Amino acid sequence: LKEERNRLQQLHNDTRKRVDAMITRLK
């Protein structure tokens, strides 16, 4: 469960970075 949580947190962080980059490009 700890490994899965860490994986999901990393996925969340990666997704957040991609979304932020898209927003910046759109702006």
mmCIF file of all heavy atoms, coordinates in Angstrom:
data_MODEL
# 
_entry.id   MODEL 
# 
loop_
_atom_site.group_PDB 
_atom_site.id 
_atom_site.type_symbol 
_atom_site.label_atom_id 
_atom_site.label_alt_id 
_atom_site.label_comp_id 
_atom_site.label_asym_id 
_atom_site.label_entity_id 
_atom_site.label_seq_id 
_atom_site.pdbx_PDB_ins_code 
_atom_site.Cartn_x 
_atom_site.Cartn_y 
_atom_site.Cartn_z 
_atom_site.occupancy 
_atom_site.B_iso_or_equiv 
_atom_site.pdbx_formal_charge 
_atom_site.auth_seq_id 
_atom_site.auth_comp_id 
_atom_site.auth_asym_id 
_atom_site.auth_atom_id 
_atom_site.pdbx_PDB_model_num 
ATOM 1   N N   . LEU A 1 1  ? 0.829  -1.214 0.000   1.00 0.00 ? 1  LEU A N   1 
ATOM 2   C CA  . LEU A 1 1  ? 0.000  0.000  0.000   1.00 0.00 ? 1  LEU A CA  1 
ATOM 3   C C   . LEU A 1 1  ? 0.857  1.255  0.000   1.00 0.00 ? 1  LEU A C   1 
ATOM 4   O O   . LEU A 1 1  ? 0.531  2.240  -0.672  1.00 0.00 ? 1  LEU A O   1 
ATOM 5   C CB  . LEU A 1 1  ? -0.944 -0.007 1.197   1.00 0.00 ? 1  LEU A CB  1 
ATOM 6   C CG  . LEU A 1 1  ? -2.088 -1.017 1.121   1.00 0.00 ? 1  LEU A CG  1 
ATOM 7   C CD1 . LEU A 1 1  ? -2.813 -1.084 2.460   1.00 0.00 ? 1  LEU A CD1 1 
ATOM 8   C CD2 . LEU A 1 1  ? -3.050 -0.666 0.009   1.00 0.00 ? 1  LEU A CD2 1 
ATOM 9   N N   . LYS A 1 2  ? 1.957  1.227  0.731   1.00 0.00 ? 2  LYS A N   1 
ATOM 10  C CA  . LYS A 1 2  ? 2.863  2.381  0.734   1.00 0.00 ? 2  LYS A CA  1 
ATOM 11  C C   . LYS A 1 2  ? 3.476  2.588  -0.648  1.00 0.00 ? 2  LYS A C   1 
ATOM 12  O O   . LYS A 1 2  ? 3.589  3.724  -1.123  1.00 0.00 ? 2  LYS A O   1 
ATOM 13  C CB  . LYS A 1 2  ? 3.970  2.197  1.776   1.00 0.00 ? 2  LYS A CB  1 
ATOM 14  C CG  . LYS A 1 2  ? 3.505  2.419  3.190   1.00 0.00 ? 2  LYS A CG  1 
ATOM 15  C CD  . LYS A 1 2  ? 4.651  2.206  4.179   1.00 0.00 ? 2  LYS A CD  1 
ATOM 16  C CE  . LYS A 1 2  ? 4.199  2.438  5.599   1.00 0.00 ? 2  LYS A CE  1 
ATOM 17  N NZ  . LYS A 1 2  ? 5.297  2.215  6.567   1.00 0.00 ? 2  LYS A NZ  1 
ATOM 18  N N   . GLU A 1 3  ? 3.872  1.496  -1.287  1.00 0.00 ? 3  GLU A N   1 
ATOM 19  C CA  . GLU A 1 3  ? 4.431  1.595  -2.635  1.00 0.00 ? 3  GLU A CA  1 
ATOM 20  C C   . GLU A 1 3  ? 3.391  2.145  -3.609  1.00 0.00 ? 3  GLU A C   1 
ATOM 21  O O   . GLU A 1 3  ? 3.705  2.991  -4.451  1.00 0.00 ? 3  GLU A O   1 
ATOM 22  C CB  . GLU A 1 3  ? 4.936  0.234  -3.106  1.00 0.00 ? 3  GLU A CB  1 
ATOM 23  C CG  . GLU A 1 3  ? 6.181  -0.229 -2.386  1.00 0.00 ? 3  GLU A CG  1 
ATOM 24  C CD  . GLU A 1 3  ? 6.564  -1.666 -2.686  1.00 0.00 ? 3  GLU A CD  1 
ATOM 25  O OE1 . GLU A 1 3  ? 5.820  -2.347 -3.434  1.00 0.00 ? 3  GLU A OE1 1 
ATOM 26  O OE2 . GLU A 1 3  ? 7.600  -2.121 -2.178  1.00 0.00 ? 3  GLU A OE2 1 
ATOM 27  N N   . GLU A 1 4  ? 2.172  1.663  -3.500  1.00 0.00 ? 4  GLU A N   1 
ATOM 28  C CA  . GLU A 1 4  ? 1.088  2.144  -4.370  1.00 0.00 ? 4  GLU A CA  1 
ATOM 29  C C   . GLU A 1 4  ? 0.806  3.619  -4.117  1.00 0.00 ? 4  GLU A C   1 
ATOM 30  O O   . GLU A 1 4  ? 0.613  4.403  -5.046  1.00 0.00 ? 4  GLU A O   1 
ATOM 31  C CB  . GLU A 1 4  ? -0.176 1.313  -4.145  1.00 0.00 ? 4  GLU A CB  1 
ATOM 32  C CG  . GLU A 1 4  ? -1.377 1.753  -4.952  1.00 0.00 ? 4  GLU A CG  1 
ATOM 33  C CD  . GLU A 1 4  ? -1.268 1.457  -6.431  1.00 0.00 ? 4  GLU A CD  1 
ATOM 34  O OE1 . GLU A 1 4  ? -0.281 0.823  -6.866  1.00 0.00 ? 4  GLU A OE1 1 
ATOM 35  O OE2 . GLU A 1 4  ? -2.163 1.874  -7.182  1.00 0.00 ? 4  GLU A OE2 1 
ATOM 36  N N   . ARG A 1 5  ? 0.787  4.028  -2.848  1.00 0.00 ? 5  ARG A N   1 
ATOM 37  C CA  . ARG A 1 5  ? 0.571  5.428  -2.511  1.00 0.00 ? 5  ARG A CA  1 
ATOM 38  C C   . ARG A 1 5  ? 1.666  6.301  -3.111  1.00 0.00 ? 5  ARG A C   1 
ATOM 39  O O   . ARG A 1 5  ? 1.386  7.349  -3.702  1.00 0.00 ? 5  ARG A O   1 
ATOM 40  C CB  . ARG A 1 5  ? 0.531  5.614  -0.999  1.00 0.00 ? 5  ARG A CB  1 
ATOM 41  C CG  . ARG A 1 5  ? 0.238  7.080  -0.606  1.00 0.00 ? 5  ARG A CG  1 
ATOM 42  C CD  . ARG A 1 5  ? 0.459  7.336  0.848   1.00 0.00 ? 5  ARG A CD  1 
ATOM 43  N NE  . ARG A 1 5  ? 1.885  7.195  1.116   1.00 0.00 ? 5  ARG A NE  1 
ATOM 44  C CZ  . ARG A 1 5  ? 2.398  6.986  2.293   1.00 0.00 ? 5  ARG A CZ  1 
ATOM 45  N NH1 . ARG A 1 5  ? 1.632  6.862  3.344   1.00 0.00 ? 5  ARG A NH1 1 
ATOM 46  N NH2 . ARG A 1 5  ? 3.698  6.863  2.456   1.00 0.00 ? 5  ARG A NH2 1 
ATOM 47  N N   . ASN A 1 6  ? 2.909  5.866  -2.985  1.00 0.00 ? 6  ASN A N   1 
ATOM 48  C CA  . ASN A 1 6  ? 4.014  6.627  -3.548  1.00 0.00 ? 6  ASN A CA  1 
ATOM 49  C C   . ASN A 1 6  ? 3.901  6.735  -5.066  1.00 0.00 ? 6  ASN A C   1 
ATOM 50  O O   . ASN A 1 6  ? 4.148  7.790  -5.644  1.00 0.00 ? 6  ASN A O   1 
ATOM 51  C CB  . ASN A 1 6  ? 5.361  6.009  -3.162  1.00 0.00 ? 6  ASN A CB  1 
ATOM 52  C CG  . ASN A 1 6  ? 5.664  6.170  -1.689  1.00 0.00 ? 6  ASN A CG  1 
ATOM 53  O OD1 . ASN A 1 6  ? 5.132  7.068  -1.030  1.00 0.00 ? 6  ASN A OD1 1 
ATOM 54  N ND2 . ASN A 1 6  ? 6.512  5.313  -1.157  1.00 0.00 ? 6  ASN A ND2 1 
ATOM 55  N N   . ARG A 1 7  ? 3.520  5.634  -5.700  1.00 0.00 ? 7  ARG A N   1 
ATOM 56  C CA  . ARG A 1 7  ? 3.349  5.639  -7.160  1.00 0.00 ? 7  ARG A CA  1 
ATOM 57  C C   . ARG A 1 7  ? 2.244  6.607  -7.562  1.00 0.00 ? 7  ARG A C   1 
ATOM 58  O O   . ARG A 1 7  ? 2.402  7.400  -8.504  1.00 0.00 ? 7  ARG A O   1 
ATOM 59  C CB  . ARG A 1 7  ? 3.032  4.226  -7.661  1.00 0.00 ? 7  ARG A CB  1 
ATOM 60  C CG  . ARG A 1 7  ? 3.002  4.100  -9.175  1.00 0.00 ? 7  ARG A CG  1 
ATOM 61  C CD  . ARG A 1 7  ? 2.557  2.714  -9.612  1.00 0.00 ? 7  ARG A CD  1 
ATOM 62  N NE  . ARG A 1 7  ? 1.157  2.475  -9.335  1.00 0.00 ? 7  ARG A NE  1 
ATOM 63  C CZ  . ARG A 1 7  ? 0.152  2.958  -10.072 1.00 0.00 ? 7  ARG A CZ  1 
ATOM 64  N NH1 . ARG A 1 7  ? 0.379  3.728  -11.093 1.00 0.00 ? 7  ARG A NH1 1 
ATOM 65  N NH2 . ARG A 1 7  ? -1.095 2.675  -9.761  1.00 0.00 ? 7  ARG A NH2 1 
ATOM 66  N N   . LEU A 1 8  ? 1.141  6.568  -6.834  1.00 0.00 ? 8  LEU A N   1 
ATOM 67  C CA  . LEU A 1 8  ? 0.022  7.457  -7.153  1.00 0.00 ? 8  LEU A CA  1 
ATOM 68  C C   . LEU A 1 8  ? 0.364  8.926  -6.886  1.00 0.00 ? 8  LEU A C   1 
ATOM 69  O O   . LEU A 1 8  ? -0.035 9.815  -7.645  1.00 0.00 ? 8  LEU A O   1 
ATOM 70  C CB  . LEU A 1 8  ? -1.224 7.047  -6.366  1.00 0.00 ? 8  LEU A CB  1 
ATOM 71  C CG  . LEU A 1 8  ? -1.867 5.737  -6.803  1.00 0.00 ? 8  LEU A CG  1 
ATOM 72  C CD1 . LEU A 1 8  ? -2.964 5.343  -5.827  1.00 0.00 ? 8  LEU A CD1 1 
ATOM 73  C CD2 . LEU A 1 8  ? -2.412 5.834  -8.209  1.00 0.00 ? 8  LEU A CD2 1 
ATOM 74  N N   . GLN A 1 9  ? 1.120  9.183  -5.838  1.00 0.00 ? 9  GLN A N   1 
ATOM 75  C CA  . GLN A 1 9  ? 1.547  10.555 -5.561  1.00 0.00 ? 9  GLN A CA  1 
ATOM 76  C C   . GLN A 1 9  ? 2.444  11.068 -6.682  1.00 0.00 ? 9  GLN A C   1 
ATOM 77  O O   . GLN A 1 9  ? 2.310  12.217 -7.120  1.00 0.00 ? 9  GLN A O   1 
ATOM 78  C CB  . GLN A 1 9  ? 2.282  10.637 -4.217  1.00 0.00 ? 9  GLN A CB  1 
ATOM 79  C CG  . GLN A 1 9  ? 1.363  10.578 -3.026  1.00 0.00 ? 9  GLN A CG  1 
ATOM 80  C CD  . GLN A 1 9  ? 2.117  10.576 -1.699  1.00 0.00 ? 9  GLN A CD  1 
ATOM 81  O OE1 . GLN A 1 9  ? 3.272  10.158 -1.623  1.00 0.00 ? 9  GLN A OE1 1 
ATOM 82  N NE2 . GLN A 1 9  ? 1.458  11.046 -0.656  1.00 0.00 ? 9  GLN A NE2 1 
ATOM 83  N N   . GLN A 1 10 ? 3.350  10.222 -7.156  1.00 0.00 ? 10 GLN A N   1 
ATOM 84  C CA  . GLN A 1 10 ? 4.226  10.621 -8.254  1.00 0.00 ? 10 GLN A CA  1 
ATOM 85  C C   . GLN A 1 10 ? 3.412  10.861 -9.519  1.00 0.00 ? 10 GLN A C   1 
ATOM 86  O O   . GLN A 1 10 ? 3.644  11.845 -10.236 1.00 0.00 ? 10 GLN A O   1 
ATOM 87  C CB  . GLN A 1 10 ? 5.295  9.547  -8.498  1.00 0.00 ? 10 GLN A CB  1 
ATOM 88  C CG  . GLN A 1 10 ? 6.317  9.948  -9.532  1.00 0.00 ? 10 GLN A CG  1 
ATOM 89  C CD  . GLN A 1 10 ? 7.083  11.194 -9.118  1.00 0.00 ? 10 GLN A CD  1 
ATOM 90  O OE1 . GLN A 1 10 ? 7.571  11.289 -8.001  1.00 0.00 ? 10 GLN A OE1 1 
ATOM 91  N NE2 . GLN A 1 10 ? 7.193  12.157 -10.012 1.00 0.00 ? 10 GLN A NE2 1 
ATOM 92  N N   . LEU A 1 11 ? 2.462  10.002 -9.796  1.00 0.00 ? 11 LEU A N   1 
ATOM 93  C CA  . LEU A 1 11 ? 1.590  10.183 -10.961 1.00 0.00 ? 11 LEU A CA  1 
ATOM 94  C C   . LEU A 1 11 ? 0.807  11.484 -10.836 1.00 0.00 ? 11 LEU A C   1 
ATOM 95  O O   . LEU A 1 11 ? 0.682  12.242 -11.810 1.00 0.00 ? 11 LEU A O   1 
ATOM 96  C CB  . LEU A 1 11 ? 0.637  8.991  -11.080 1.00 0.00 ? 11 LEU A CB  1 
ATOM 97  C CG  . LEU A 1 11 ? -0.331 8.993  -12.257 1.00 0.00 ? 11 LEU A CG  1 
ATOM 98  C CD1 . LEU A 1 11 ? 0.422  8.996  -13.575 1.00 0.00 ? 11 LEU A CD1 1 
ATOM 99  C CD2 . LEU A 1 11 ? -1.251 7.782  -12.166 1.00 0.00 ? 11 LEU A CD2 1 
ATOM 100 N N   . HIS A 1 12 ? 0.302  11.771 -9.660  1.00 0.00 ? 12 HIS A N   1 
ATOM 101 C CA  . HIS A 1 12 ? -0.436 13.010 -9.413  1.00 0.00 ? 12 HIS A CA  1 
ATOM 102 C C   . HIS A 1 12 ? 0.464  14.224 -9.661  1.00 0.00 ? 12 HIS A C   1 
ATOM 103 O O   . HIS A 1 12 ? 0.056  15.181 -10.325 1.00 0.00 ? 12 HIS A O   1 
ATOM 104 C CB  . HIS A 1 12 ? -0.965 13.019 -7.976  1.00 0.00 ? 12 HIS A CB  1 
ATOM 105 C CG  . HIS A 1 12 ? -1.616 14.288 -7.576  1.00 0.00 ? 12 HIS A CG  1 
ATOM 106 N ND1 . HIS A 1 12 ? -2.872 14.643 -7.995  1.00 0.00 ? 12 HIS A ND1 1 
ATOM 107 C CD2 . HIS A 1 12 ? -1.175 15.313 -6.805  1.00 0.00 ? 12 HIS A CD2 1 
ATOM 108 C CE1 . HIS A 1 12 ? -3.175 15.828 -7.501  1.00 0.00 ? 12 HIS A CE1 1 
ATOM 109 N NE2 . HIS A 1 12 ? -2.158 16.250 -6.768  1.00 0.00 ? 12 HIS A NE2 1 
ATOM 110 N N   . ASN A 1 13 ? 1.676  14.177 -9.142  1.00 0.00 ? 13 ASN A N   1 
ATOM 111 C CA  . ASN A 1 13 ? 2.611  15.282 -9.338  1.00 0.00 ? 13 ASN A CA  1 
ATOM 112 C C   . ASN A 1 13 ? 2.966  15.469 -10.810 1.00 0.00 ? 13 ASN A C   1 
ATOM 113 O O   . ASN A 1 13 ? 3.020  16.599 -11.306 1.00 0.00 ? 13 ASN A O   1 
ATOM 114 C CB  . ASN A 1 13 ? 3.890  15.065 -8.512  1.00 0.00 ? 13 ASN A CB  1 
ATOM 115 C CG  . ASN A 1 13 ? 3.645  15.201 -7.029  1.00 0.00 ? 13 ASN A CG  1 
ATOM 116 O OD1 . ASN A 1 13 ? 2.690  15.856 -6.599  1.00 0.00 ? 13 ASN A OD1 1 
ATOM 117 N ND2 . ASN A 1 13 ? 4.494  14.585 -6.235  1.00 0.00 ? 13 ASN A ND2 1 
ATOM 118 N N   . ASP A 1 14 ? 3.203  14.374 -11.513 1.00 0.00 ? 14 ASP A N   1 
ATOM 119 C CA  . ASP A 1 14 ? 3.512  14.451 -12.943 1.00 0.00 ? 14 ASP A CA  1 
ATOM 120 C C   . ASP A 1 14 ? 2.339  15.040 -13.727 1.00 0.00 ? 14 ASP A C   1 
ATOM 121 O O   . ASP A 1 14 ? 2.528  15.882 -14.605 1.00 0.00 ? 14 ASP A O   1 
ATOM 122 C CB  . ASP A 1 14 ? 3.859  13.072 -13.497 1.00 0.00 ? 14 ASP A CB  1 
ATOM 123 C CG  . ASP A 1 14 ? 5.169  12.512 -12.942 1.00 0.00 ? 14 ASP A CG  1 
ATOM 124 O OD1 . ASP A 1 14 ? 5.949  13.297 -12.357 1.00 0.00 ? 14 ASP A OD1 1 
ATOM 125 O OD2 . ASP A 1 14 ? 5.395  11.300 -13.091 1.00 0.00 ? 14 ASP A OD2 1 
ATOM 126 N N   . THR A 1 15 ? 1.138  14.604 -13.379 1.00 0.00 ? 15 THR A N   1 
ATOM 127 C CA  . THR A 1 15 ? -0.062 15.113 -14.055 1.00 0.00 ? 15 THR A CA  1 
ATOM 128 C C   . THR A 1 15 ? -0.241 16.601 -13.776 1.00 0.00 ? 15 THR A C   1 
ATOM 129 O O   . THR A 1 15 ? -0.547 17.383 -14.677 1.00 0.00 ? 15 THR A O   1 
ATOM 130 C CB  . THR A 1 15 ? -1.309 14.329 -13.600 1.00 0.00 ? 15 THR A CB  1 
ATOM 131 O OG1 . THR A 1 15 ? -1.109 12.945 -13.877 1.00 0.00 ? 15 THR A OG1 1 
ATOM 132 C CG2 . THR A 1 15 ? -2.548 14.817 -14.307 1.00 0.00 ? 15 THR A CG2 1 
ATOM 133 N N   . ARG A 1 16 ? -0.030 17.003 -12.541 1.00 0.00 ? 16 ARG A N   1 
ATOM 134 C CA  . ARG A 1 16 ? -0.144 18.417 -12.176 1.00 0.00 ? 16 ARG A CA  1 
ATOM 135 C C   . ARG A 1 16 ? 0.844  19.266 -12.990 1.00 0.00 ? 16 ARG A C   1 
ATOM 136 O O   . ARG A 1 16 ? 0.492  20.325 -13.503 1.00 0.00 ? 16 ARG A O   1 
ATOM 137 C CB  . ARG A 1 16 ? 0.107  18.623 -10.691 1.00 0.00 ? 16 ARG A CB  1 
ATOM 138 C CG  . ARG A 1 16 ? -0.023 20.078 -10.252 1.00 0.00 ? 16 ARG A CG  1 
ATOM 139 C CD  . ARG A 1 16 ? 0.350  20.250 -8.804  1.00 0.00 ? 16 ARG A CD  1 
ATOM 140 N NE  . ARG A 1 16 ? -0.501 19.497 -7.921  1.00 0.00 ? 16 ARG A NE  1 
ATOM 141 C CZ  . ARG A 1 16 ? -1.591 19.989 -7.319  1.00 0.00 ? 16 ARG A CZ  1 
ATOM 142 N NH1 . ARG A 1 16 ? -1.926 21.236 -7.505  1.00 0.00 ? 16 ARG A NH1 1 
ATOM 143 N NH2 . ARG A 1 16 ? -2.309 19.227 -6.543  1.00 0.00 ? 16 ARG A NH2 1 
ATOM 144 N N   . LYS A 1 17 ? 2.071  18.784 -13.128 1.00 0.00 ? 17 LYS A N   1 
ATOM 145 C CA  . LYS A 1 17 ? 3.076  19.511 -13.903 1.00 0.00 ? 17 LYS A CA  1 
ATOM 146 C C   . LYS A 1 17 ? 2.651  19.640 -15.368 1.00 0.00 ? 17 LYS A C   1 
ATOM 147 O O   . LYS A 1 17 ? 2.810  20.712 -15.969 1.00 0.00 ? 17 LYS A O   1 
ATOM 148 C CB  . LYS A 1 17 ? 4.433  18.811 -13.813 1.00 0.00 ? 17 LYS A CB  1 
ATOM 149 C CG  . LYS A 1 17 ? 5.101  18.945 -12.470 1.00 0.00 ? 17 LYS A CG  1 
ATOM 150 C CD  . LYS A 1 17 ? 6.400  18.157 -12.433 1.00 0.00 ? 17 LYS A CD  1 
ATOM 151 C CE  . LYS A 1 17 ? 6.993  18.154 -11.040 1.00 0.00 ? 17 LYS A CE  1 
ATOM 152 N NZ  . LYS A 1 17 ? 8.211  17.313 -10.960 1.00 0.00 ? 17 LYS A NZ  1 
ATOM 153 N N   . ARG A 1 18 ? 2.117  18.569 -15.937 1.00 0.00 ? 18 ARG A N   1 
ATOM 154 C CA  . ARG A 1 18 ? 1.676  18.621 -17.334 1.00 0.00 ? 18 ARG A CA  1 
ATOM 155 C C   . ARG A 1 18 ? 0.512  19.587 -17.510 1.00 0.00 ? 18 ARG A C   1 
ATOM 156 O O   . ARG A 1 18 ? 0.469  20.363 -18.469 1.00 0.00 ? 18 ARG A O   1 
ATOM 157 C CB  . ARG A 1 18 ? 1.290  17.224 -17.829 1.00 0.00 ? 18 ARG A CB  1 
ATOM 158 C CG  . ARG A 1 18 ? 2.498  16.332 -18.067 1.00 0.00 ? 18 ARG A CG  1 
ATOM 159 C CD  . ARG A 1 18 ? 2.181  15.116 -18.929 1.00 0.00 ? 18 ARG A CD  1 
ATOM 160 N NE  . ARG A 1 18 ? 1.024  14.357 -18.510 1.00 0.00 ? 18 ARG A NE  1 
ATOM 161 C CZ  . ARG A 1 18 ? 1.056  13.324 -17.683 1.00 0.00 ? 18 ARG A CZ  1 
ATOM 162 N NH1 . ARG A 1 18 ? 2.197  12.924 -17.170 1.00 0.00 ? 18 ARG A NH1 1 
ATOM 163 N NH2 . ARG A 1 18 ? -0.045 12.677 -17.371 1.00 0.00 ? 18 ARG A NH2 1 
ATOM 164 N N   . VAL A 1 19 ? -0.431 19.560 -16.581 1.00 0.00 ? 19 VAL A N   1 
ATOM 165 C CA  . VAL A 1 19 ? -1.575 20.471 -16.653 1.00 0.00 ? 19 VAL A CA  1 
ATOM 166 C C   . VAL A 1 19 ? -1.106 21.916 -16.503 1.00 0.00 ? 19 VAL A C   1 
ATOM 167 O O   . VAL A 1 19 ? -1.539 22.801 -17.257 1.00 0.00 ? 19 VAL A O   1 
ATOM 168 C CB  . VAL A 1 19 ? -2.642 20.109 -15.592 1.00 0.00 ? 19 VAL A CB  1 
ATOM 169 C CG1 . VAL A 1 19 ? -3.694 21.199 -15.482 1.00 0.00 ? 19 VAL A CG1 1 
ATOM 170 C CG2 . VAL A 1 19 ? -3.301 18.776 -15.932 1.00 0.00 ? 19 VAL A CG2 1 
ATOM 171 N N   . ASP A 1 20 ? -0.214 22.175 -15.565 1.00 0.00 ? 20 ASP A N   1 
ATOM 172 C CA  . ASP A 1 20 ? 0.320  23.520 -15.389 1.00 0.00 ? 20 ASP A CA  1 
ATOM 173 C C   . ASP A 1 20 ? 1.025  23.993 -16.656 1.00 0.00 ? 20 ASP A C   1 
ATOM 174 O O   . ASP A 1 20 ? 0.893  25.147 -17.071 1.00 0.00 ? 20 ASP A O   1 
ATOM 175 C CB  . ASP A 1 20 ? 1.280  23.577 -14.196 1.00 0.00 ? 20 ASP A CB  1 
ATOM 176 C CG  . ASP A 1 20 ? 0.561  23.482 -12.856 1.00 0.00 ? 20 ASP A CG  1 
ATOM 177 O OD1 . ASP A 1 20 ? -0.679 23.678 -12.821 1.00 0.00 ? 20 ASP A OD1 1 
ATOM 178 O OD2 . ASP A 1 20 ? 1.239  23.218 -11.835 1.00 0.00 ? 20 ASP A OD2 1 
ATOM 179 N N   . ALA A 1 21 ? 1.797  23.090 -17.280 1.00 0.00 ? 21 ALA A N   1 
ATOM 180 C CA  . ALA A 1 21 ? 2.497  23.446 -18.521 1.00 0.00 ? 21 ALA A CA  1 
ATOM 181 C C   . ALA A 1 21 ? 1.492  23.760 -19.627 1.00 0.00 ? 21 ALA A C   1 
ATOM 182 O O   . ALA A 1 21 ? 1.685  24.714 -20.397 1.00 0.00 ? 21 ALA A O   1 
ATOM 183 C CB  . ALA A 1 21 ? 3.426  22.311 -18.944 1.00 0.00 ? 21 ALA A CB  1 
ATOM 184 N N   . MET A 1 22 ? 0.416  22.990 -19.720 1.00 0.00 ? 22 MET A N   1 
ATOM 185 C CA  . MET A 1 22 ? -0.612 23.251 -20.736 1.00 0.00 ? 22 MET A CA  1 
ATOM 186 C C   . MET A 1 22 ? -1.283 24.603 -20.501 1.00 0.00 ? 22 MET A C   1 
ATOM 187 O O   . MET A 1 22 ? -1.518 25.361 -21.446 1.00 0.00 ? 22 MET A O   1 
ATOM 188 C CB  . MET A 1 22 ? -1.669 22.137 -20.737 1.00 0.00 ? 22 MET A CB  1 
ATOM 189 C CG  . MET A 1 22 ? -1.224 20.872 -21.413 1.00 0.00 ? 22 MET A CG  1 
ATOM 190 S SD  . MET A 1 22 ? -2.601 19.732 -21.633 1.00 0.00 ? 22 MET A SD  1 
ATOM 191 C CE  . MET A 1 22 ? -2.397 18.704 -20.205 1.00 0.00 ? 22 MET A CE  1 
ATOM 192 N N   . ILE A 1 23 ? -1.585 24.893 -19.249 1.00 0.00 ? 23 ILE A N   1 
ATOM 193 C CA  . ILE A 1 23 ? -2.214 26.178 -18.920 1.00 0.00 ? 23 ILE A CA  1 
ATOM 194 C C   . ILE A 1 23 ? -1.288 27.323 -19.306 1.00 0.00 ? 23 ILE A C   1 
ATOM 195 O O   . ILE A 1 23 ? -1.722 28.319 -19.893 1.00 0.00 ? 23 ILE A O   1 
ATOM 196 C CB  . ILE A 1 23 ? -2.592 26.230 -17.426 1.00 0.00 ? 23 ILE A CB  1 
ATOM 197 C CG1 . ILE A 1 23 ? -3.748 25.271 -17.145 1.00 0.00 ? 23 ILE A CG1 1 
ATOM 198 C CG2 . ILE A 1 23 ? -2.939 27.647 -17.000 1.00 0.00 ? 23 ILE A CG2 1 
ATOM 199 C CD1 . ILE A 1 23 ? -4.056 25.072 -15.676 1.00 0.00 ? 23 ILE A CD1 1 
ATOM 200 N N   . THR A 1 24 ? -0.010 27.174 -18.999 1.00 0.00 ? 24 THR A N   1 
ATOM 201 C CA  . THR A 1 24 ? 0.958  28.213 -19.354 1.00 0.00 ? 24 THR A CA  1 
ATOM 202 C C   . THR A 1 24 ? 1.006  28.406 -20.865 1.00 0.00 ? 24 THR A C   1 
ATOM 203 O O   . THR A 1 24 ? 1.008  29.536 -21.364 1.00 0.00 ? 24 THR A O   1 
ATOM 204 C CB  . THR A 1 24 ? 2.356  27.841 -18.809 1.00 0.00 ? 24 THR A CB  1 
ATOM 205 O OG1 . THR A 1 24 ? 2.264  27.705 -17.397 1.00 0.00 ? 24 THR A OG1 1 
ATOM 206 C CG2 . THR A 1 24 ? 3.383  28.894 -19.163 1.00 0.00 ? 24 THR A CG2 1 
ATOM 207 N N   . ARG A 1 25 ? 1.032  27.310 -21.616 1.00 0.00 ? 25 ARG A N   1 
ATOM 208 C CA  . ARG A 1 25 ? 1.048  27.414 -23.084 1.00 0.00 ? 25 ARG A CA  1 
ATOM 209 C C   . ARG A 1 25 ? -0.221 28.056 -23.609 1.00 0.00 ? 25 ARG A C   1 
ATOM 210 O O   . ARG A 1 25 ? -0.186 28.881 -24.523 1.00 0.00 ? 25 ARG A O   1 
ATOM 211 C CB  . ARG A 1 25 ? 1.239  26.037 -23.714 1.00 0.00 ? 25 ARG A CB  1 
ATOM 212 C CG  . ARG A 1 25 ? 2.700  25.625 -23.751 1.00 0.00 ? 25 ARG A CG  1 
ATOM 213 C CD  . ARG A 1 25 ? 2.897  24.319 -24.466 1.00 0.00 ? 25 ARG A CD  1 
ATOM 214 N NE  . ARG A 1 25 ? 2.952  23.313 -23.397 1.00 0.00 ? 25 ARG A NE  1 
ATOM 215 C CZ  . ARG A 1 25 ? 2.554  22.071 -23.505 1.00 0.00 ? 25 ARG A CZ  1 
ATOM 216 N NH1 . ARG A 1 25 ? 2.062  21.601 -24.626 1.00 0.00 ? 25 ARG A NH1 1 
ATOM 217 N NH2 . ARG A 1 25 ? 2.639  21.243 -22.494 1.00 0.00 ? 25 ARG A NH2 1 
ATOM 218 N N   . LEU A 1 26 ? -1.358 27.681 -23.039 1.00 0.00 ? 26 LEU A N   1 
ATOM 219 C CA  . LEU A 1 26 ? -2.619 28.272 -23.482 1.00 0.00 ? 26 LEU A CA  1 
ATOM 220 C C   . LEU A 1 26 ? -2.650 29.770 -23.202 1.00 0.00 ? 26 LEU A C   1 
ATOM 221 O O   . LEU A 1 26 ? -3.094 30.566 -24.044 1.00 0.00 ? 26 LEU A O   1 
ATOM 222 C CB  . LEU A 1 26 ? -3.808 27.582 -22.800 1.00 0.00 ? 26 LEU A CB  1 
ATOM 223 C CG  . LEU A 1 26 ? -4.136 26.186 -23.305 1.00 0.00 ? 26 LEU A CG  1 
ATOM 224 C CD1 . LEU A 1 26 ? -5.202 25.546 -22.418 1.00 0.00 ? 26 LEU A CD1 1 
ATOM 225 C CD2 . LEU A 1 26 ? -4.618 26.239 -24.748 1.00 0.00 ? 26 LEU A CD2 1 
ATOM 226 N N   . LYS A 1 27 ? -2.175 30.169 -22.046 1.00 0.00 ? 27 LYS A N   1 
ATOM 227 C CA  . LYS A 1 27 ? -2.126 31.598 -21.721 1.00 0.00 ? 27 LYS A CA  1 
ATOM 228 C C   . LYS A 1 27 ? -1.191 32.325 -22.670 1.00 0.00 ? 27 LYS A C   1 
ATOM 229 O O   . LYS A 1 27 ? -1.476 33.445 -23.111 1.00 0.00 ? 27 LYS A O   1 
ATOM 230 C CB  . LYS A 1 27 ? -1.681 31.808 -20.269 1.00 0.00 ? 27 LYS A CB  1 
ATOM 231 C CG  . LYS A 1 27 ? -2.748 31.481 -19.252 1.00 0.00 ? 27 LYS A CG  1 
ATOM 232 C CD  . LYS A 1 27 ? -2.250 31.740 -17.836 1.00 0.00 ? 27 LYS A CD  1 
ATOM 233 C CE  . LYS A 1 27 ? -3.328 31.416 -16.816 1.00 0.00 ? 27 LYS A CE  1 
ATOM 234 N NZ  . LYS A 1 27 ? -2.878 31.639 -15.440 1.00 0.00 ? 27 LYS A NZ  1 
# 
